[in-house]
Amino acid sequence: MTTSSLYHTQGIRGFKYQKTERKNGTEYYYLHSTAAHLTCPCCGSAQTSLVKTGKTRNIRALHIGLKKRFCG
């Protein structure tokens, strides 16, 4: 799966595709953010900074066929 197909099938924007793993009928897509800066979701200020924590998270994606999908 490519960045383009993730955009068109899952609506994922602002991330770059790295790899896919398949375990027990579930597909896991590994992505990383391409954002250089973000605005504050509370006040809308552009005076923010990104902190890279190195943590991963699983986001449940839309099913395609019978396979479960997670993006993280």
Protein backbone atom coordinates (compact mmCIF):
# COMPACT_ATOMS: atom_id res chain seq x y z
CA MET A 1 0.00 0.00 0.00
CA THR A 2 1.35 3.42 -0.89
CA THR A 3 0.85 6.89 0.59
CA SER A 4 -1.53 7.67 -2.28
CA SER A 5 -3.69 4.58 -1.74
CA LEU A 6 -3.86 5.26 2.02
CA TYR A 7 -5.05 8.78 1.20
CA HIS A 8 -7.75 7.56 -1.19
CA THR A 9 -8.99 4.55 0.84
CA GLN A 10 -8.55 5.83 4.42
CA GLY A 11 -8.48 9.62 4.05
CA ILE A 12 -5.04 9.85 5.71
CA ARG A 13 -3.22 13.14 5.02
CA GLY A 14 0.08 14.55 6.23
CA PHE A 15 1.76 11.18 6.78
CA LYS A 16 4.33 9.19 4.84
CA TYR A 17 3.99 5.41 4.44
CA GLN A 18 6.91 3.28 5.72
CA LYS A 19 5.90 -0.40 5.78
CA THR A 20 3.10 -2.95 6.27
CA GLU A 21 2.98 -5.91 8.66
CA ARG A 22 0.38 -8.65 8.57
CA LYS A 23 -0.42 -10.59 11.77
CA ASN A 24 -3.39 -12.94 12.35
CA GLY A 25 -5.56 -11.46 9.59
CA THR A 26 -4.85 -7.85 10.61
CA GLU A 27 -2.75 -5.39 8.61
CA TYR A 28 -0.61 -2.79 10.37
CA TYR A 29 0.60 0.23 8.39
CA TYR A 30 3.58 2.14 9.75
CA LEU A 31 3.47 5.87 8.99
CA HIS A 32 5.33 8.97 10.08
CA SER A 33 4.20 12.59 10.12
CA THR A 34 5.44 15.04 7.50
CA ALA A 35 4.24 18.13 9.42
CA ALA A 36 6.80 20.86 10.01
CA HIS A 37 4.48 22.91 12.26
CA LEU A 38 0.92 22.74 13.58
CA THR A 39 -1.62 25.15 14.99
CA CYS A 40 -2.97 24.81 18.52
CA PRO A 41 -6.30 22.92 18.50
CA CYS A 42 -7.59 24.98 21.46
CA CYS A 43 -6.75 28.58 20.58
CA GLY A 44 -5.66 28.32 16.92
CA SER A 45 -2.27 29.94 17.59
CA ALA A 46 0.58 29.28 15.16
CA GLN A 47 3.14 29.88 17.95
CA THR A 48 3.62 26.16 18.66
CA SER A 49 6.44 23.64 18.49
CA LEU A 50 6.52 19.91 17.79
CA VAL A 51 7.96 17.57 20.41
CA LYS A 52 9.11 14.21 19.08
CA THR A 53 8.40 11.59 21.74
CA GLY A 54 9.16 8.46 19.72
CA LYS A 55 5.93 6.87 20.93
CA THR A 56 3.68 4.96 18.56
CA ARG A 57 -0.08 4.64 18.64
CA ASN A 58 -2.56 2.41 16.88
CA ILE A 59 -5.39 4.04 14.99
CA ARG A 60 -8.18 1.80 13.78
CA ALA A 61 -8.62 2.23 10.03
CA LEU A 62 -11.58 1.41 7.80
CA HIS A 63 -12.03 -2.25 6.88
CA ILE A 64 -11.43 -3.27 3.29
CA GLY A 65 -13.01 -6.66 2.71
CA LEU A 66 -12.65 -8.95 5.72
CA LYS A 67 -9.26 -7.67 6.91
CA LYS A 68 -8.88 -5.43 9.95
CA ARG A 69 -6.50 -2.48 9.53
CA PHE A 70 -4.53 -0.29 11.94
CA CYS A 71 -2.38 2.75 11.19
CA GLY A 72 0.28 3.81 13.62
